[in-house]
Amino acid sequence: MDLSARVYSAKLQEALDTPIVVENRPGGTGLLAGERVAKSAPDGYTLLVGASGQMTINPVLIPKHPYDPVRDFAAITTLAQFPMVIAVNPSFPAKSLGDLVALAKSRPGELAYSHGGATHQVAAEMFNQAVGIEMRNIPTRAARRRARPPRSCRRCTRKPCAR
């Protein structure tokens, strides 16, 4: 997203003859950037270049989502479309998609994947279902932090926590 924003901002700056600043706000699969823009003044000076998952999947998957994509934003254009790929370490035994599916079917629940955001996670789970395999999702560090209970709850001695 950052690269797209920078490429388009240069052209926008030329067309408007005014400085354009791109401020990258990574984190939370776009949650931090979206929240910042949603809470900014609606004066047209702050724009969000975000992924579709940020507006469609995050609000469903993330509890206490800090903004409403329909209420807080007005989509004005599609800047780019990005393909999703499946990649493995070169030393991994699967050398094709067919190899990966066969290996996953022979070892249900043993293979794992990680992803770049909510859209990728949903796509991976849809792939799992479509080909009849079970690969485990390994969340990124940021996703694991979001999934943790609040600090006060971590100190709770009751199992399971009553809060």
Protein backbone atom coordinates (compact mmCIF):
# COMPACT_ATOMS: atom_id res chain seq x y z
CA MET A 1 0.00 0.00 0.00
CA ASP A 2 2.81 2.38 0.89
CA LEU A 3 4.38 2.13 -2.56
CA SER A 4 1.03 2.74 -4.28
CA ALA A 5 0.38 5.75 -2.07
CA ARG A 6 3.79 7.22 -2.89
CA VAL A 7 3.46 6.67 -6.65
CA TYR A 8 0.00 8.23 -6.81
CA SER A 9 0.85 11.04 -4.41
CA ALA A 10 3.62 12.26 -6.72
CA LYS A 11 1.14 12.56 -9.60
CA LEU A 12 -1.50 14.10 -7.34
CA GLN A 13 1.03 16.65 -6.10
CA GLU A 14 1.81 17.59 -9.71
CA ALA A 15 -1.86 17.89 -10.67
CA LEU A 16 -2.83 19.94 -7.60
CA ASP A 17 0.40 21.93 -7.41
CA THR A 18 0.49 21.42 -3.65
CA PRO A 19 2.70 19.32 -1.38
CA ILE A 20 1.45 15.83 -0.55
CA VAL A 21 2.87 13.94 2.44
CA VAL A 22 2.58 10.16 2.67
CA GLU A 23 2.62 8.98 6.26
CA ASN A 24 2.92 5.23 6.57
CA ARG A 25 1.02 3.92 9.63
CA PRO A 26 1.68 0.17 9.70
CA GLY A 27 0.11 -2.16 12.21
CA GLY A 28 -3.03 -4.07 13.01
CA THR A 29 -3.70 -5.05 9.37
CA GLY A 30 -4.47 -1.41 8.61
CA LEU A 31 -6.33 -0.78 11.85
CA LEU A 32 -3.98 1.96 13.09
CA ALA A 33 -4.05 3.91 9.83
CA GLY A 34 -7.81 3.53 9.47
CA GLU A 35 -8.44 4.75 12.99
CA ARG A 36 -6.18 7.76 12.47
CA VAL A 37 -7.95 8.79 9.29
CA ALA A 38 -11.44 8.10 10.67
CA LYS A 39 -10.74 10.45 13.58
CA SER A 40 -9.16 13.20 11.47
CA ALA A 41 -11.02 16.33 10.41
CA PRO A 42 -13.21 15.65 7.34
CA ASP A 43 -11.53 18.42 5.37
CA GLY A 44 -10.11 16.40 2.46
CA TYR A 45 -6.53 16.84 3.63
CA THR A 46 -6.21 13.35 5.11
CA LEU A 47 -6.78 10.40 2.80
CA LEU A 48 -6.55 6.68 3.44
CA VAL A 49 -4.90 4.36 0.97
CA GLY A 50 -5.93 1.00 2.36
CA ALA A 51 -6.63 -2.56 1.41
CA SER A 52 -10.11 -3.95 0.91
CA GLY A 53 -9.73 -6.26 3.90
CA GLN A 54 -9.22 -3.24 6.10
CA MET A 55 -12.75 -2.15 5.27
CA THR A 56 -14.53 -5.48 4.84
CA ILE A 57 -12.85 -8.20 6.90
CA ASN A 58 -11.26 -6.38 9.85
CA PRO A 59 -14.57 -5.07 11.23
CA VAL A 60 -15.89 -8.63 11.34
CA LEU A 61 -12.78 -10.32 12.76
CA ILE A 62 -11.49 -7.70 15.20
CA PRO A 63 -13.50 -7.17 18.38
CA LYS A 64 -14.08 -3.55 19.39
CA HIS A 65 -13.13 -2.28 15.94
CA PRO A 66 -12.46 1.46 16.35
CA TYR A 67 -14.25 2.70 13.24
CA ASP A 68 -17.19 1.92 10.99
CA PRO A 69 -16.04 1.67 7.35
CA VAL A 70 -19.47 2.64 6.00
CA ARG A 71 -20.08 5.57 8.35
CA ASP A 72 -16.52 6.90 8.63
CA PHE A 73 -15.30 6.61 5.02
CA ALA A 74 -16.42 7.31 1.46
CA ALA A 75 -14.61 5.19 -1.14
CA ILE A 76 -13.56 7.31 -4.11
CA THR A 77 -11.50 4.98 -6.33
CA THR A 78 -9.59 1.73 -6.69
CA LEU A 79 -5.87 2.46 -6.99
CA ALA A 80 -4.49 -1.02 -7.59
CA GLN A 81 -5.18 -4.72 -7.46
CA PHE A 82 -2.66 -7.10 -5.95
CA PRO A 83 -2.42 -10.82 -6.64
CA MET A 84 -2.03 -13.22 -3.74
CA VAL A 85 0.65 -15.86 -3.94
CA ILE A 86 1.56 -18.99 -2.05
CA ALA A 87 5.29 -19.29 -1.44
CA VAL A 88 7.40 -21.80 0.48
CA ASN A 89 11.02 -22.03 1.53
CA PRO A 90 13.11 -23.49 -1.33
CA SER A 91 14.08 -26.45 0.88
CA PHE A 92 10.42 -27.33 1.57
CA PRO A 93 9.50 -30.65 -0.11
CA ALA A 94 6.47 -29.26 -2.02
CA LYS A 95 7.58 -27.85 -5.37
CA SER A 96 4.11 -27.13 -6.79
CA LEU A 97 0.64 -26.33 -5.54
CA GLY A 98 -0.38 -29.93 -6.16
CA ASP A 99 2.59 -31.12 -4.08
CA LEU A 100 1.57 -28.78 -1.24
CA VAL A 101 -2.04 -30.02 -1.25
CA ALA A 102 -0.94 -33.67 -1.31
CA LEU A 103 1.51 -33.10 1.55
CA ALA A 104 -1.10 -31.22 3.61
CA LYS A 105 -3.63 -34.00 3.05
CA SER A 106 -1.10 -36.60 4.21
CA ARG A 107 -0.31 -34.58 7.35
CA PRO A 108 -3.58 -32.89 8.47
CA GLY A 109 -3.02 -30.06 10.95
CA GLU A 110 0.78 -30.41 10.87
CA LEU A 111 1.56 -27.78 8.23
CA ALA A 112 1.21 -24.11 9.08
CA TYR A 113 1.01 -20.79 7.25
CA SER A 114 1.31 -17.14 8.11
CA HIS A 115 -0.06 -14.18 6.23
CA GLY A 116 0.09 -10.46 5.67
CA GLY A 117 -3.33 -9.51 6.94
CA ALA A 118 -6.96 -10.40 7.40
CA THR A 119 -7.68 -10.68 3.68
CA HIS A 120 -4.85 -13.17 3.29
CA GLN A 121 -6.00 -15.16 6.30
CA VAL A 122 -9.53 -15.46 4.95
CA ALA A 123 -8.18 -16.42 1.51
CA ALA A 124 -5.95 -19.09 3.08
CA GLU A 125 -8.87 -20.53 5.04
CA MET A 126 -11.02 -20.53 1.91
CA PHE A 127 -8.20 -22.34 0.09
CA ASN A 128 -8.00 -24.90 2.91
CA GLN A 129 -11.73 -25.56 2.62
CA ALA A 130 -11.78 -25.61 -1.18
CA VAL A 131 -9.08 -28.28 -1.47
CA GLY A 132 -10.00 -30.16 1.70
CA ILE A 133 -6.86 -29.59 3.77
CA GLU A 134 -6.17 -28.41 7.30
CA MET A 135 -3.20 -26.06 7.70
CA ARG A 136 -2.79 -24.09 10.92
CA ASN A 137 -2.68 -20.29 10.96
CA ILE A 138 0.37 -18.88 12.74
CA PRO A 139 -0.52 -15.25 13.55
CA THR A 140 2.09 -12.53 13.26
CA ARG A 141 3.42 -10.91 16.43
CA ALA A 142 1.00 -7.99 16.04
CA ALA A 143 -1.98 -10.33 15.65
CA ARG A 144 -0.95 -12.26 18.76
CA ARG A 145 -0.82 -8.99 20.73
CA ARG A 146 -4.36 -8.09 19.60
CA ALA A 147 -5.61 -11.52 20.67
CA ARG A 148 -4.22 -11.25 24.23
CA PRO A 149 -6.63 -10.52 27.04
CA PRO A 150 -6.40 -7.11 28.70
CA ARG A 151 -3.56 -6.61 31.18
CA SER A 152 -5.81 -6.88 34.24
CA CYS A 153 -7.20 -10.15 32.94
CA ARG A 154 -3.72 -11.68 32.55
CA ARG A 155 -3.28 -11.31 36.30
CA CYS A 156 -6.54 -13.10 36.99
CA THR A 157 -6.01 -16.33 38.93
CA ARG A 158 -9.29 -17.96 37.90
CA LYS A 159 -9.07 -20.50 35.08
CA PRO A 160 -10.82 -19.79 32.81
CA CYS A 161 -10.83 -16.09 33.50
CA ALA A 162 -14.19 -14.80 34.69
CA ARG A 163 -13.81 -11.37 33.11
